[in-house]
């Protein structure tokens, strides 16, 4: 399950999330098995985040950094993936 603190920060919006990531670059976010379907995450920094089993279907993921993120079993159907950075990401998607 996801770290509730990480999810709470993300739900405050991408700007707050990215600022937190900037100030806490030593923390690797745990967002396992969260439902973020149809969420606007444009420009979010998910570097080394665990999104294992998360539902991102229909989400706006434009220009998101998923560099070295764990995407195993993540649901990404119908998401806007333009300009996404997937370098080193675990790409075992359902």
Protein backbone atom coordinates (compact mmCIF):
# COMPACT_ATOMS: atom_id res chain seq x y z
CA UNK A 1 0.00 0.00 0.00
CA UNK A 2 1.02 3.59 -0.61
CA UNK A 3 2.57 5.86 1.96
CA UNK A 4 -0.39 8.02 3.11
CA UNK A 5 1.85 11.09 3.54
CA UNK A 6 3.09 10.84 -0.05
CA UNK A 7 -0.46 10.50 -1.37
CA UNK A 8 -1.64 13.46 0.72
CA UNK A 9 1.10 15.66 -0.78
CA UNK A 10 0.28 14.55 -4.33
CA UNK A 11 -3.40 15.32 -3.84
CA UNK A 12 -2.45 18.95 -3.12
CA UNK A 13 -1.49 19.30 -6.78
CA UNK A 14 1.48 18.91 -9.09
CA UNK A 15 3.09 22.21 -8.07
CA UNK A 16 3.11 21.25 -4.37
CA UNK A 17 4.23 17.71 -5.25
CA UNK A 18 7.16 18.87 -7.39
CA UNK A 19 8.28 21.37 -4.74
CA UNK A 20 8.21 18.60 -2.13
CA UNK A 21 10.21 16.35 -4.51
CA UNK A 22 12.77 19.13 -4.98
CA UNK A 23 13.21 19.50 -1.23
CA UNK A 24 13.15 15.74 -0.55
CA UNK A 25 15.09 14.28 -3.46
CA UNK A 26 16.46 11.54 -1.17
CA UNK A 27 12.92 10.14 -0.68
CA UNK A 28 11.57 7.66 -3.21
CA UNK A 29 7.78 8.07 -3.23
CA UNK A 30 5.62 5.09 -2.43
CA UNK A 31 2.40 5.36 -4.42
CA UNK A 32 1.72 1.64 -4.78
CA UNK A 33 -1.80 0.56 -5.66
CA UNK A 34 -3.39 4.02 -5.57
CA UNK A 35 -6.25 5.02 -7.83
CA UNK A 36 -5.23 8.13 -9.74
CA UNK A 37 -7.53 7.44 -12.69
CA UNK A 38 -8.51 10.51 -14.70
CA UNK A 39 -6.19 12.76 -12.67
CA UNK A 40 -4.29 15.74 -14.09
CA UNK A 41 -0.66 14.93 -13.30
CA UNK A 42 0.88 16.97 -16.11
CA UNK A 43 4.54 17.74 -15.39
CA UNK A 44 4.75 15.70 -12.18
CA UNK A 45 8.10 14.32 -11.06
CA UNK A 46 7.79 10.61 -10.26
CA UNK A 47 11.52 9.89 -10.42
CA UNK A 48 12.17 6.54 -8.70
CA UNK A 49 8.58 6.43 -7.45
CA UNK A 50 6.86 3.13 -6.85
CA UNK A 51 3.62 3.17 -8.81
CA UNK A 52 3.29 -0.61 -8.63
CA UNK A 53 -0.29 -1.62 -9.36
CA UNK A 54 -1.52 1.97 -9.48
CA UNK A 55 -4.45 2.98 -11.64
CA UNK A 56 -3.51 5.83 -13.94
CA UNK A 57 -6.00 5.08 -16.71
CA UNK A 58 -7.33 8.20 -18.39
CA UNK A 59 -4.89 10.46 -16.52
CA UNK A 60 -3.06 13.40 -18.03
CA UNK A 61 0.56 12.29 -17.84
CA UNK A 62 1.96 14.80 -20.34
CA UNK A 63 5.59 15.70 -19.63
CA UNK A 64 5.66 13.52 -16.51
CA UNK A 65 9.00 12.15 -15.37
CA UNK A 66 8.70 8.44 -14.75
CA UNK A 67 12.46 8.00 -14.92
CA UNK A 68 13.47 4.85 -13.02
CA UNK A 69 9.92 4.48 -11.69
CA UNK A 70 8.40 1.11 -10.86
CA UNK A 71 5.41 0.76 -13.18
CA UNK A 72 4.89 -2.98 -12.82
CA UNK A 73 1.18 -3.78 -13.05
CA UNK A 74 0.33 -0.07 -13.43
CA UNK A 75 -2.75 0.65 -15.52
CA UNK A 76 -2.04 3.35 -18.10
CA UNK A 77 -4.80 2.80 -20.65
CA UNK A 78 -6.17 5.88 -22.37
CA UNK A 79 -3.74 8.16 -20.58
CA UNK A 80 -2.17 11.17 -22.27
CA UNK A 81 1.49 10.16 -22.41
CA UNK A 82 2.99 12.85 -24.65
CA UNK A 83 6.56 13.80 -23.69
CA UNK A 84 6.81 11.28 -20.83
CA UNK A 85 10.33 10.40 -19.65
CA UNK A 86 10.47 6.61 -19.22
CA UNK A 87 14.25 6.17 -19.09
CA UNK A 88 15.05 3.20 -16.87
CA UNK A 89 11.43 2.67 -15.86
CA UNK A 90 10.20 -0.82 -15.12
CA UNK A 91 7.78 -1.18 -18.02
CA UNK A 92 5.83 -4.33 -17.15
CA UNK A 93 2.45 -2.72 -17.69
CA UNK A 94 -0.89 -4.51 -17.73
